[in-house]
Amino acid sequence: MWPSFIAGFFLAFSLIMAIGAQNAFVLRQGLRRQHVFAVALTCAASDAVLVTAGVFGFGALTSAVPWFETAMRLGGAAFLFWYGLRSLISAWRGGAALSAAEEKNQPLWPVLTTLLALTWLNPHVYLDTVVLLGSISAQYDTPPIFALGAIVASFSFFFILAYGASLLAPVFARPRAWQVLDLGVGLVMWAIAIKLLLM
């Protein structure tokens, strides 16, 4: 039970950590202290729906089509290698920095509409949650516990990110911090890809 939970938690946490439009948006809302709870909850709840669909839907699909799991595992490994390479290239190039723009307080609904678009219209979110987490969960004896670990990781990450943003502001104003984060994400992605290929 615990190996499934821990695997789901750390894999999901690693995937969510990857720098993207959604995380940058959450960080900026946290830096501005605008609708922080609603933003974090929306991201985490969206992930919970997608992870659940991936884990339970994927299990049913692999039972019906036995070769599908192998195809998705290999495809997931290829995607992770690409994802990791992108992060490592970003770390090599550097230059990214986060700055909090001085803006007036925005109404809640436009903020949530933007956030939902960044989340649900991003094709990578489906690869990460539905395909990748769904395929890897099938490797464990208790996929629901794997899914629970992934969901807890999502809630933990987004609430820490949103509420901890003010503490991170001085750090992520420097490009070097993004480089270190990108490097770590890239190495984790490659490690997971290798593990998938060795299964």
N, C-alpha and C. Protein backbone atom coordinates (compact mmCIF):
# COMPACT_ATOMS: atom_id res chain seq x y z
N MET A 1 0.83 -1.21 0.00
CA MET A 1 0.00 0.00 0.00
C MET A 1 0.87 1.27 0.00
N TRP A 2 1.83 1.34 0.94
CA TRP A 2 2.66 2.55 1.03
C TRP A 2 3.54 2.75 -0.20
N PRO A 3 4.14 1.68 -0.76
CA PRO A 3 4.93 1.90 -1.99
C PRO A 3 4.12 2.53 -3.11
N SER A 4 2.85 2.12 -3.25
CA SER A 4 1.99 2.70 -4.28
C SER A 4 1.72 4.18 -4.00
N PHE A 5 1.42 4.48 -2.74
CA PHE A 5 1.14 5.87 -2.36
C PHE A 5 2.36 6.76 -2.59
N ILE A 6 3.52 6.29 -2.12
CA ILE A 6 4.74 7.09 -2.24
C ILE A 6 5.12 7.29 -3.70
N ALA A 7 4.99 6.22 -4.51
CA ALA A 7 5.31 6.34 -5.94
C ALA A 7 4.39 7.34 -6.61
N GLY A 8 3.09 7.26 -6.33
CA GLY A 8 2.14 8.20 -6.91
C GLY A 8 2.41 9.62 -6.47
N PHE A 9 2.74 9.78 -5.19
CA PHE A 9 3.01 11.12 -4.66
C PHE A 9 4.21 11.76 -5.33
N PHE A 10 5.33 11.05 -5.36
CA PHE A 10 6.56 11.66 -5.87
C PHE A 10 6.55 11.81 -7.38
N LEU A 11 5.93 10.88 -8.09
CA LEU A 11 5.86 11.03 -9.53
C LEU A 11 4.99 12.23 -9.89
N ALA A 12 3.82 12.32 -9.27
CA ALA A 12 2.93 13.46 -9.56
C ALA A 12 3.58 14.77 -9.16
N PHE A 13 4.25 14.79 -8.01
CA PHE A 13 4.90 16.02 -7.54
C PHE A 13 5.97 16.46 -8.54
N SER A 14 6.73 15.49 -9.06
CA SER A 14 7.78 15.81 -10.03
C SER A 14 7.19 16.37 -11.32
N LEU A 15 6.09 15.78 -11.77
CA LEU A 15 5.45 16.24 -13.00
C LEU A 15 4.87 17.64 -12.83
N ILE A 16 4.23 17.88 -11.69
CA ILE A 16 3.59 19.18 -11.46
C ILE A 16 4.63 20.29 -11.32
N MET A 17 5.81 19.94 -10.78
CA MET A 17 6.86 20.93 -10.56
C MET A 17 7.36 21.57 -11.84
N ALA A 18 7.20 20.88 -12.96
CA ALA A 18 7.74 21.40 -14.21
C ALA A 18 7.20 22.81 -14.48
N ILE A 19 8.09 23.69 -14.85
CA ILE A 19 7.70 25.09 -15.08
C ILE A 19 6.80 25.18 -16.29
N GLY A 20 5.70 25.85 -16.14
CA GLY A 20 4.77 26.03 -17.24
C GLY A 20 3.87 27.21 -16.97
N ALA A 21 2.95 27.45 -17.89
CA ALA A 21 2.08 28.60 -17.78
C ALA A 21 1.21 28.54 -16.53
N GLN A 22 0.70 27.34 -16.21
CA GLN A 22 -0.18 27.20 -15.05
C GLN A 22 0.55 27.54 -13.75
N ASN A 23 1.74 26.96 -13.57
CA ASN A 23 2.50 27.21 -12.34
C ASN A 23 2.92 28.67 -12.22
N ALA A 24 3.30 29.27 -13.35
CA ALA A 24 3.68 30.68 -13.33
C ALA A 24 2.48 31.54 -12.94
N PHE A 25 1.29 31.17 -13.43
CA PHE A 25 0.07 31.90 -13.09
C PHE A 25 -0.23 31.80 -11.60
N VAL A 26 -0.12 30.58 -11.07
CA VAL A 26 -0.36 30.37 -9.63
C VAL A 26 0.64 31.16 -8.80
N LEU A 27 1.90 31.13 -9.20
CA LEU A 27 2.93 31.89 -8.50
C LEU A 27 2.61 33.39 -8.49
N ARG A 28 2.22 33.89 -9.64
CA ARG A 28 1.93 35.32 -9.73
C ARG A 28 0.72 35.70 -8.88
N GLN A 29 -0.30 34.83 -8.88
CA GLN A 29 -1.46 35.13 -8.03
C GLN A 29 -1.05 35.10 -6.55
N GLY A 30 -0.18 34.18 -6.20
CA GLY A 30 0.31 34.12 -4.83
C GLY A 30 1.13 35.34 -4.46
N LEU A 31 1.96 35.78 -5.40
CA LEU A 31 2.77 36.98 -5.16
C LEU A 31 1.88 38.21 -4.98
N ARG A 32 0.79 38.26 -5.72
CA ARG A 32 -0.14 39.40 -5.62
C ARG A 32 -1.12 39.24 -4.47
N ARG A 33 -1.16 38.02 -3.88
CA ARG A 33 -2.11 37.70 -2.81
C ARG A 33 -3.55 37.92 -3.25
N GLN A 34 -3.86 37.45 -4.47
CA GLN A 34 -5.19 37.60 -5.04
C GLN A 34 -5.83 36.23 -5.26
N HIS A 35 -6.95 35.98 -4.60
CA HIS A 35 -7.73 34.75 -4.79
C HIS A 35 -6.86 33.50 -4.64
N VAL A 36 -5.99 33.51 -3.67
CA VAL A 36 -4.99 32.44 -3.53
C VAL A 36 -5.65 31.09 -3.27
N PHE A 37 -6.60 31.03 -2.34
CA PHE A 37 -7.25 29.76 -2.02
C PHE A 37 -8.00 29.21 -3.22
N ALA A 38 -8.77 30.04 -3.89
CA ALA A 38 -9.57 29.58 -5.04
C ALA A 38 -8.68 29.09 -6.17
N VAL A 39 -7.57 29.77 -6.40
CA VAL A 39 -6.64 29.37 -7.46
C VAL A 39 -6.02 28.01 -7.14
N ALA A 40 -5.52 27.84 -5.93
CA ALA A 40 -4.91 26.57 -5.54
C ALA A 40 -5.92 25.43 -5.59
N LEU A 41 -7.12 25.67 -5.08
CA LEU A 41 -8.15 24.63 -5.06
C LEU A 41 -8.57 24.24 -6.47
N THR A 42 -8.69 25.20 -7.37
CA THR A 42 -9.08 24.91 -8.75
C THR A 42 -8.05 24.02 -9.44
N CYS A 43 -6.78 24.33 -9.27
CA CYS A 43 -5.71 23.51 -9.87
C CYS A 43 -5.71 22.10 -9.30
N ALA A 44 -5.77 22.00 -7.98
CA ALA A 44 -5.71 20.69 -7.33
C ALA A 44 -6.93 19.84 -7.67
N ALA A 45 -8.12 20.44 -7.68
CA ALA A 45 -9.34 19.70 -8.00
C ALA A 45 -9.32 19.22 -9.45
N SER A 46 -8.82 20.05 -10.36
CA SER A 46 -8.71 19.65 -11.76
C SER A 46 -7.79 18.44 -11.90
N ASP A 47 -6.65 18.49 -11.21
CA ASP A 47 -5.73 17.36 -11.24
C ASP A 47 -6.37 16.09 -10.67
N ALA A 48 -7.14 16.26 -9.59
CA ALA A 48 -7.78 15.10 -8.96
C ALA A 48 -8.73 14.41 -9.94
N VAL A 49 -9.50 15.19 -10.68
CA VAL A 49 -10.43 14.63 -11.68
C VAL A 49 -9.65 13.90 -12.77
N LEU A 50 -8.60 14.51 -13.27
CA LEU A 50 -7.82 13.92 -14.36
C LEU A 50 -7.07 12.67 -13.92
N VAL A 51 -6.49 12.71 -12.73
CA VAL A 51 -5.76 11.54 -12.22
C VAL A 51 -6.72 10.37 -12.02
N THR A 52 -7.88 10.64 -11.44
CA THR A 52 -8.87 9.58 -11.21
C THR A 52 -9.31 8.97 -12.53
N ALA A 53 -9.58 9.81 -13.52
CA ALA A 53 -9.98 9.31 -14.83
C ALA A 53 -8.87 8.47 -15.45
N GLY A 54 -7.63 8.92 -15.31
CA GLY A 54 -6.51 8.20 -15.89
C GLY A 54 -6.29 6.84 -15.24
N VAL A 55 -6.29 6.82 -13.91
CA VAL A 55 -6.00 5.56 -13.19
C VAL A 55 -7.11 4.54 -13.40
N PHE A 56 -8.35 4.94 -13.21
CA PHE A 56 -9.44 3.96 -13.30
C PHE A 56 -9.80 3.64 -14.74
N GLY A 57 -9.76 4.62 -15.61
CA GLY A 57 -10.03 4.36 -17.02
C GLY A 57 -8.94 3.57 -17.68
N PHE A 58 -7.69 3.85 -17.30
CA PHE A 58 -6.57 3.14 -17.91
C PHE A 58 -6.57 1.67 -17.52
N GLY A 59 -6.91 1.39 -16.26
CA GLY A 59 -6.95 0.00 -15.81
C GLY A 59 -7.96 -0.82 -16.59
N ALA A 60 -9.13 -0.25 -16.83
CA ALA A 60 -10.17 -0.95 -17.60
C ALA A 60 -9.73 -1.16 -19.04
N LEU A 61 -9.05 -0.17 -19.59
CA LEU A 61 -8.60 -0.26 -20.97
C LEU A 61 -7.53 -1.33 -21.14
N THR A 62 -6.59 -1.41 -20.19
CA THR A 62 -5.52 -2.40 -20.31
C THR A 62 -6.05 -3.82 -20.14
N SER A 63 -7.11 -3.97 -19.39
CA SER A 63 -7.72 -5.30 -19.27
C SER A 63 -8.35 -5.72 -20.59
N ALA A 64 -8.93 -4.77 -21.29
CA ALA A 64 -9.58 -5.07 -22.56
C ALA A 64 -8.58 -5.20 -23.70
N VAL A 65 -7.52 -4.41 -23.66
CA VAL A 65 -6.50 -4.42 -24.72
C VAL A 65 -5.14 -4.61 -24.07
N PRO A 66 -4.67 -5.86 -23.93
CA PRO A 66 -3.44 -6.16 -23.17
C PRO A 66 -2.19 -5.42 -23.65
N TRP A 67 -2.05 -5.22 -24.95
CA TRP A 67 -0.83 -4.59 -25.47
C TRP A 67 -0.79 -3.08 -25.24
N PHE A 68 -1.94 -2.52 -24.85
CA PHE A 68 -2.02 -1.06 -24.72
C PHE A 68 -1.11 -0.55 -23.60
N GLU A 69 -1.00 -1.32 -22.52
CA GLU A 69 -0.16 -0.91 -21.39
C GLU A 69 1.30 -0.77 -21.80
N THR A 70 1.79 -1.76 -22.58
CA THR A 70 3.17 -1.72 -23.03
C THR A 70 3.41 -0.53 -23.96
N ALA A 71 2.45 -0.30 -24.86
CA ALA A 71 2.57 0.82 -25.78
C ALA A 71 2.60 2.14 -25.03
N MET A 72 1.75 2.28 -24.02
CA MET A 72 1.70 3.52 -23.26
C MET A 72 2.93 3.69 -22.38
N ARG A 73 3.46 2.57 -21.87
CA ARG A 73 4.67 2.65 -21.05
C ARG A 73 5.84 3.15 -21.88
N LEU A 74 5.98 2.60 -23.09
CA LEU A 74 7.06 3.04 -23.98
C LEU A 74 6.83 4.47 -24.45
N GLY A 75 5.57 4.79 -24.76
CA GLY A 75 5.25 6.16 -25.16
C GLY A 75 5.49 7.14 -24.01
N GLY A 76 5.14 6.72 -22.80
CA GLY A 76 5.37 7.56 -21.63
C GLY A 76 6.85 7.81 -21.39
N ALA A 77 7.68 6.75 -21.59
CA ALA A 77 9.12 6.91 -21.43
C ALA A 77 9.67 7.90 -22.45
N ALA A 78 9.20 7.78 -23.71
CA ALA A 78 9.65 8.71 -24.75
C ALA A 78 9.24 10.14 -24.41
N PHE A 79 8.01 10.31 -23.93
CA PHE A 79 7.54 11.64 -23.56
C PHE A 79 8.37 12.22 -22.41
N LEU A 80 8.70 11.38 -21.42
CA LEU A 80 9.48 11.85 -20.29
C LEU A 80 10.90 12.23 -20.70
N PHE A 81 11.48 11.48 -21.63
CA PHE A 81 12.80 11.85 -22.13
C PHE A 81 12.74 13.22 -22.80
N TRP A 82 11.69 13.43 -23.61
CA TRP A 82 11.53 14.73 -24.27
C TRP A 82 11.30 15.84 -23.26
N TYR A 83 10.42 15.56 -22.28
CA TYR A 83 10.09 16.53 -21.23
C TYR A 83 11.35 16.90 -20.45
N GLY A 84 12.12 15.87 -20.10
CA GLY A 84 13.36 16.11 -19.37
C GLY A 84 14.36 16.89 -20.19
N LEU A 85 14.47 16.56 -21.48
CA LEU A 85 15.39 17.28 -22.35
C LEU A 85 15.02 18.75 -22.45
N ARG A 86 13.71 19.01 -22.55
CA ARG A 86 13.24 20.40 -22.63
C ARG A 86 13.63 21.17 -21.37
N SER A 87 13.47 20.53 -20.21
CA SER A 87 13.83 21.18 -18.95
C SER A 87 15.33 21.42 -18.86
N LEU A 88 16.12 20.43 -19.32
CA LEU A 88 17.57 20.57 -19.27
C LEU A 88 18.05 21.66 -20.23
N ILE A 89 17.43 21.75 -21.38
CA ILE A 89 17.79 22.83 -22.33
C ILE A 89 17.44 24.18 -21.73
N SER A 90 16.28 24.26 -21.08
CA SER A 90 15.87 25.50 -20.43
C SER A 90 16.85 25.88 -19.33
N ALA A 91 17.33 24.87 -18.57
CA ALA A 91 18.32 25.12 -17.52
C ALA A 91 19.62 25.62 -18.13
N TRP A 92 20.01 25.06 -19.27
CA TRP A 92 21.25 25.45 -19.93
C TRP A 92 21.18 26.89 -20.45
N ARG A 93 20.04 27.23 -21.05
CA ARG A 93 19.88 28.58 -21.62
C ARG A 93 19.71 29.64 -20.55
N GLY A 94 18.94 29.30 -19.51
CA GLY A 94 18.69 30.27 -18.45
C GLY A 94 17.90 31.46 -18.96
N GLY A 95 17.95 32.53 -18.21
CA GLY A 95 17.32 33.78 -18.64
C GLY A 95 15.92 34.00 -18.13
N ALA A 96 15.25 32.95 -17.62
CA ALA A 96 13.88 33.13 -17.12
C ALA A 96 13.91 33.71 -15.72
N ALA A 97 12.98 34.56 -15.45
CA ALA A 97 12.84 35.13 -14.10
C ALA A 97 11.40 35.52 -13.89
N LEU A 98 10.96 35.45 -12.66
CA LEU A 98 9.58 35.78 -12.34
C LEU A 98 9.54 37.13 -11.65
N SER A 99 8.68 38.00 -12.15
CA SER A 99 8.50 39.29 -11.49
C SER A 99 7.01 39.50 -11.25
N ALA A 100 6.68 40.01 -10.12
CA ALA A 100 5.28 40.27 -9.80
C ALA A 100 4.89 41.65 -10.32
N ALA A 101 3.97 41.63 -11.26
CA ALA A 101 3.53 42.91 -11.82
C ALA A 101 2.62 43.61 -10.81
N GLU A 102 2.74 44.91 -10.75
CA GLU A 102 1.89 45.68 -9.85
C GLU A 102 0.56 45.92 -10.55
N GLU A 103 -0.45 45.15 -10.16
CA GLU A 103 -1.75 45.26 -10.80
C GLU A 103 -2.84 45.45 -9.76
N LYS A 104 -3.95 46.00 -10.20
CA LYS A 104 -5.10 46.12 -9.31
C LYS A 104 -5.70 44.75 -9.09
N ASN A 105 -6.46 44.62 -8.01
CA ASN A 105 -7.10 43.36 -7.70
C ASN A 105 -8.10 42.98 -8.79
N GLN A 106 -7.95 41.78 -9.34
CA GLN A 106 -8.83 41.31 -10.40
C GLN A 106 -10.03 40.59 -9.81
N PRO A 107 -11.19 40.64 -10.48
CA PRO A 107 -12.34 39.86 -10.02
C PRO A 107 -12.03 38.36 -10.08
N LEU A 108 -12.74 37.60 -9.26
CA LEU A 108 -12.47 36.16 -9.16
C LEU A 108 -12.73 35.42 -10.46
N TRP A 109 -13.87 35.65 -11.11
CA TRP A 109 -14.23 34.82 -12.25
C TRP A 109 -13.28 34.95 -13.44
N PRO A 110 -12.82 36.15 -13.80
CA PRO A 110 -11.82 36.21 -14.87
C PRO A 110 -10.53 35.46 -14.53
N VAL A 111 -10.15 35.51 -13.25
CA VAL A 111 -8.95 34.80 -12.81
C VAL A 111 -9.13 33.30 -12.98
N LEU A 112 -10.29 32.77 -12.51
CA LEU A 112 -10.55 31.34 -12.62
C LEU A 112 -10.73 30.89 -14.07
N THR A 113 -11.34 31.74 -14.89
CA THR A 113 -11.51 31.41 -16.31
C THR A 113 -10.15 31.25 -16.99
N THR A 114 -9.25 32.17 -16.71
CA THR A 114 -7.89 32.08 -17.26
C THR A 114 -7.20 30.82 -16.78
N LEU A 115 -7.32 30.55 -15.49
CA LEU A 115 -6.68 29.38 -14.91
C LEU A 115 -7.22 28.08 -15.49
N LEU A 116 -8.54 27.98 -15.65
CA LEU A 116 -9.14 26.78 -16.23
C LEU A 116 -8.70 26.58 -17.67
N ALA A 117 -8.55 27.67 -18.40
CA ALA A 117 -8.06 27.56 -19.78
C ALA A 117 -6.62 27.07 -19.80
N LEU A 118 -5.78 27.62 -18.91
CA LEU A 118 -4.39 27.18 -18.85
C LEU A 118 -4.28 25.71 -18.46
N THR A 119 -5.24 25.23 -17.66
CA THR A 119 -5.21 23.85 -17.19
C THR A 119 -5.80 22.88 -18.20
N TRP A 120 -7.03 23.12 -18.63
CA TRP A 120 -7.77 22.14 -19.43
C TRP A 120 -7.49 22.22 -20.92
N LEU A 121 -6.95 23.34 -21.39
CA LEU A 121 -6.63 23.45 -22.81
C LEU A 121 -5.17 23.14 -23.10
N ASN A 122 -4.45 22.72 -22.08
CA ASN A 122 -3.04 22.34 -22.24
C ASN A 122 -2.95 20.84 -22.51
N PRO A 123 -2.49 20.43 -23.71
CA PRO A 123 -2.44 18.99 -24.01
C PRO A 123 -1.51 18.21 -23.09
N HIS A 124 -0.51 18.89 -22.52
CA HIS A 124 0.43 18.18 -21.65
C HIS A 124 -0.23 17.68 -20.38
N VAL A 125 -1.29 18.37 -19.93
CA VAL A 125 -1.94 17.93 -18.69
C VAL A 125 -2.57 16.56 -18.88
N TYR A 126 -3.05 16.27 -20.07
CA TYR A 126 -3.64 14.95 -20.34
C TYR A 126 -2.57 13.88 -20.45
N LEU A 127 -1.43 14.24 -21.04
CA LEU A 127 -0.32 13.30 -21.12
C LEU A 127 0.21 12.98 -19.73
N ASP A 128 0.34 14.01 -18.90
CA ASP A 128 0.87 13.82 -17.55
C ASP A 128 -0.06 13.01 -16.66
N THR A 129 -1.32 13.41 -16.61
CA THR A 129 -2.24 12.80 -15.65
C THR A 129 -2.94 11.57 -16.18
N VAL A 130 -3.62 11.70 -17.29
CA VAL A 130 -4.44 10.59 -17.80
C VAL A 130 -3.56 9.47 -18.37
N VAL A 131 -2.64 9.82 -19.26
CA VAL A 131 -1.84 8.79 -19.94
C VAL A 131 -0.69 8.31 -19.07
N LEU A 132 0.18 9.23 -18.64
CA LEU A 132 1.38 8.82 -17.93
C LEU A 132 1.08 8.23 -16.55
N LEU A 133 0.37 8.98 -15.71
CA LEU A 133 0.05 8.46 -14.38
C LEU A 133 -0.86 7.24 -14.48
N GLY A 134 -1.77 7.25 -15.44
CA GLY A 134 -2.64 6.10 -15.62
C GLY A 134 -1.87 4.86 -15.99
N SER A 135 -0.90 5.00 -16.91
CA SER A 135 -0.11 3.83 -17.34
C SER A 135 0.80 3.32 -16.23
N ILE A 136 1.42 4.23 -15.49
CA ILE A 136 2.33 3.81 -14.43
C ILE A 136 1.56 3.18 -13.27
N SER A 137 0.36 3.68 -13.00
CA SER A 137 -0.43 3.11 -11.90
C SER A 137 -0.74 1.64 -12.12
N ALA A 138 -0.82 1.23 -13.39
CA ALA A 138 -1.11 -0.17 -13.70
C ALA A 138 0.03 -1.10 -13.29
N GLN A 139 1.22 -0.54 -13.03
CA GLN A 139 2.37 -1.34 -12.61
C GLN A 139 2.30 -1.72 -11.13
N TYR A 140 1.38 -1.11 -10.40
CA TYR A 140 1.30 -1.33 -8.95
C TYR A 140 0.09 -2.17 -8.59
N ASP A 141 0.19 -2.85 -7.44
CA ASP A 141 -0.89 -3.75 -7.00
C ASP A 141 -2.14 -2.98 -6.59
N THR A 142 -1.97 -1.75 -6.14
CA THR A 142 -3.11 -0.95 -5.67
C THR A 142 -3.16 0.39 -6.40
N PRO A 143 -3.64 0.39 -7.65
CA PRO A 143 -3.73 1.66 -8.40
C PRO A 143 -4.53 2.76 -7.70
N PRO A 144 -5.63 2.43 -6.96
CA PRO A 144 -6.34 3.52 -6.27
C PRO A 144 -5.47 4.24 -5.24
N ILE A 145 -4.58 3.49 -4.57
CA ILE A 145 -3.67 4.11 -3.59
C ILE A 145 -2.64 4.97 -4.31
N PHE A 146 -2.18 4.50 -5.47
CA PHE A 146 -1.29 5.30 -6.32
C PHE A 146 -1.97 6.62 -6.69
N ALA A 147 -3.23 6.53 -7.09
CA ALA A 147 -4.00 7.73 -7.45
C ALA A 147 -4.13 8.66 -6.26
N LEU A 148 -4.39 8.10 -5.07
CA LEU A 148 -4.51 8.91 -3.87
C LEU A 148 -3.21 9.67 -3.60
N GLY A 149 -2.08 8.97 -3.75
CA GLY A 149 -0.78 9.63 -3.57
C GLY A 149 -0.60 10.78 -4.53
N ALA A 150 -0.99 10.57 -5.79
CA ALA A 150 -0.86 11.62 -6.81
C ALA A 150 -1.76 12.81 -6.48
N ILE A 151 -2.97 12.53 -6.01
CA ILE A 151 -3.91 13.61 -5.67
C ILE A 151 -3.42 14.41 -4.47
N VAL A 152 -2.90 13.71 -3.45
CA VAL A 152 -2.34 14.41 -2.28
C VAL A 152 -1.16 15.28 -2.70
N ALA A 153 -0.34 14.78 -3.63
CA ALA A 153 0.79 15.56 -4.14
C ALA A 153 0.31 16.83 -4.81
N SER A 154 -0.75 16.71 -5.59
CA SER A 154 -1.28 17.87 -6.29
C SER A 154 -1.80 18.93 -5.32
N PHE A 155 -2.60 18.50 -4.35
CA PHE A 155 -3.11 19.45 -3.35
C PHE A 155 -1.96 20.08 -2.58
N SER A 156 -0.98 19.26 -2.18
CA SER A 156 0.16 19.78 -1.42
C SER A 156 0.92 20.81 -2.24
N PHE A 157 1.22 20.47 -3.49
CA PHE A 157 2.03 21.34 -4.32
C PHE A 157 1.36 22.69 -4.57
N PHE A 158 0.11 22.65 -5.01
CA PHE A 158 -0.54 23.90 -5.40
C PHE A 158 -0.80 24.82 -4.22
N PHE A 159 -1.12 24.25 -3.05
CA PHE A 159 -1.33 25.12 -1.89
C PHE A 159 -0.01 25.66 -1.36
N ILE A 160 1.04 24.84 -1.39
CA ILE A 160 2.36 25.33 -0.99
C ILE A 160 2.84 26.42 -1.95
N LEU A 161 2.65 26.16 -3.25
CA LEU A 161 3.08 27.13 -4.27
C LEU A 161 2.34 28.45 -4.13
N ALA A 162 1.01 28.37 -3.99
CA ALA A 162 0.20 29.59 -3.94
C ALA A 162 0.48 30.39 -2.67
N TYR A 163 0.49 29.70 -1.52
CA TYR A 163 0.67 30.42 -0.26
C TYR A 163 2.13 30.72 0.06
N GLY A 164 3.03 29.95 -0.53
CA GLY A 164 4.45 30.19 -0.29
C GLY A 164 5.08 31.13 -1.29
N ALA A 165 4.28 31.60 -2.23
CA ALA A 165 4.83 32.45 -3.31
C ALA A 165 5.51 33.70 -2.77
N SER A 166 4.93 34.30 -1.75
CA SER A 166 5.51 35.53 -1.23
C SER A 166 6.91 35.28 -0.66
N LEU A 167 7.13 34.08 -0.13
CA LEU A 167 8.46 33.73 0.39
C LEU A 167 9.44 33.46 -0.74
N LEU A 168 8.90 32.98 -1.88
CA LEU A 168 9.76 32.63 -3.00
C LEU A 168 10.06 33.81 -3.93
N ALA A 169 9.35 34.90 -3.74
CA ALA A 169 9.50 36.04 -4.65
C ALA A 169 10.95 36.48 -4.83
N PRO A 170 11.72 36.68 -3.76
CA PRO A 170 13.10 37.11 -3.97
C PRO A 170 13.95 36.05 -4.67
N VAL A 171 13.61 34.78 -4.43
CA VAL A 171 14.40 33.69 -5.02
C VAL A 171 14.16 33.61 -6.52
N PHE A 172 12.89 33.58 -6.92
CA PHE A 172 12.57 33.38 -8.34
C PHE A 172 12.62 34.67 -9.15
N ALA A 173 13.03 35.75 -8.53
CA ALA A 173 13.34 36.95 -9.30
C ALA A 173 14.70 36.80 -9.97
N ARG A 174 15.44 35.77 -9.55
CA ARG A 174 16.77 35.53 -10.13
C ARG A 174 16.71 34.37 -11.12
N PRO A 175 17.25 34.54 -12.30
CA PRO A 175 17.23 33.46 -13.32
C PRO A 175 17.89 32.18 -12.83
N ARG A 176 18.91 32.27 -11.98
CA ARG A 176 19.63 31.08 -11.52
C ARG A 176 18.70 30.11 -10.79
N ALA A 177 17.73 30.61 -10.06
CA ALA A 177 16.80 29.74 -9.34
C ALA A 177 15.99 28.89 -10.31
N TRP A 178 15.53 29.50 -11.42
CA TRP A 178 14.78 28.74 -12.42
C TRP A 178 15.68 27.70 -13.07
N GLN A 179 16.96 28.02 -13.27
CA GLN A 179 17.88 27.06 -13.87
C GLN A 179 18.04 25.84 -12.98
N VAL A 180 18.21 26.06 -11.69
CA VAL A 180 18.37 24.94 -10.75
C VAL A 180 17.11 24.08 -10.73
N LEU A 181 15.95 24.73 -10.71
CA LEU A 181 14.69 23.99 -10.71
C LEU A 181 14.53 23.18 -12.00
N ASP A 182 14.81 23.81 -13.14
CA ASP A 182 14.72 23.10 -14.42
C ASP A 182 15.67 21.91 -14.47
N LEU A 183 16.87 22.08 -13.96
CA LEU A 183 17.84 20.99 -13.94
C LEU A 183 17.32 19.82 -13.12
N GLY A 184 16.79 20.11 -11.93
CA GLY A 184 16.25 19.05 -11.09
C GLY A 184 15.09 18.34 -11.73
N VAL A 185 14.18 19.09 -12.34
CA VAL A 185 13.02 18.49 -13.01
C VAL A 185 13.47 17.60 -14.16
N GLY A 186 14.42 18.07 -14.95
CA GLY A 186 14.90 17.29 -16.09
C GLY A 186 15.52 15.97 -15.67
N LEU A 187 16.33 15.99 -14.62
CA LEU A 187 16.97 14.76 -14.14
C LEU A 187 15.94 13.78 -13.58
N VAL A 188 14.95 14.29 -12.86
CA VAL A 188 13.90 13.42 -12.33
C VAL A 188 13.10 12.77 -13.46
N MET A 189 12.77 13.54 -14.48
CA MET A 189 12.02 13.00 -15.62
C MET A 189 12.80 11.88 -16.32
N TRP A 190 14.10 12.08 -16.49
CA TRP A 190 14.91 11.05 -17.14
C TRP A 190 15.02 9.79 -16.27
N ALA A 191 15.12 9.98 -14.97
CA ALA A 191 15.20 8.82 -14.07
C ALA A 191 13.91 8.00 -14.14
N ILE A 192 12.77 8.66 -14.19
CA ILE A 192 11.49 7.96 -14.28
C ILE A 192 11.38 7.24 -15.63
N ALA A 193 11.83 7.89 -16.69
CA ALA A 193 11.78 7.28 -18.02
C ALA A 193 12.61 6.00 -18.07
N ILE A 194 13.79 6.04 -17.48
CA ILE A 194 14.64 4.85 -17.45
C ILE A 194 13.98 3.73 -16.67
N LYS A 195 13.36 4.08 -15.56
CA LYS A 195 12.66 3.06 -14.76
C LYS A 195 11.52 2.42 -15.55
N LEU A 196 10.81 3.24 -16.33
CA LEU A 196 9.72 2.70 -17.15
C LEU A 196 10.26 1.71 -18.18
N LEU A 197 11.38 2.03 -18.80
CA LEU A 197 11.95 1.15 -19.82
C LEU A 197 12.46 -0.15 -19.23
N LEU A 198 12.86 -0.13 -17.97
CA LEU A 198 13.41 -1.32 -17.32
C LEU A 198 12.34 -2.22 -16.71
N MET A 199 11.08 -1.79 -16.72
CA MET A 199 9.99 -2.59 -16.13
C MET A 199 9.69 -3.80 -17.00
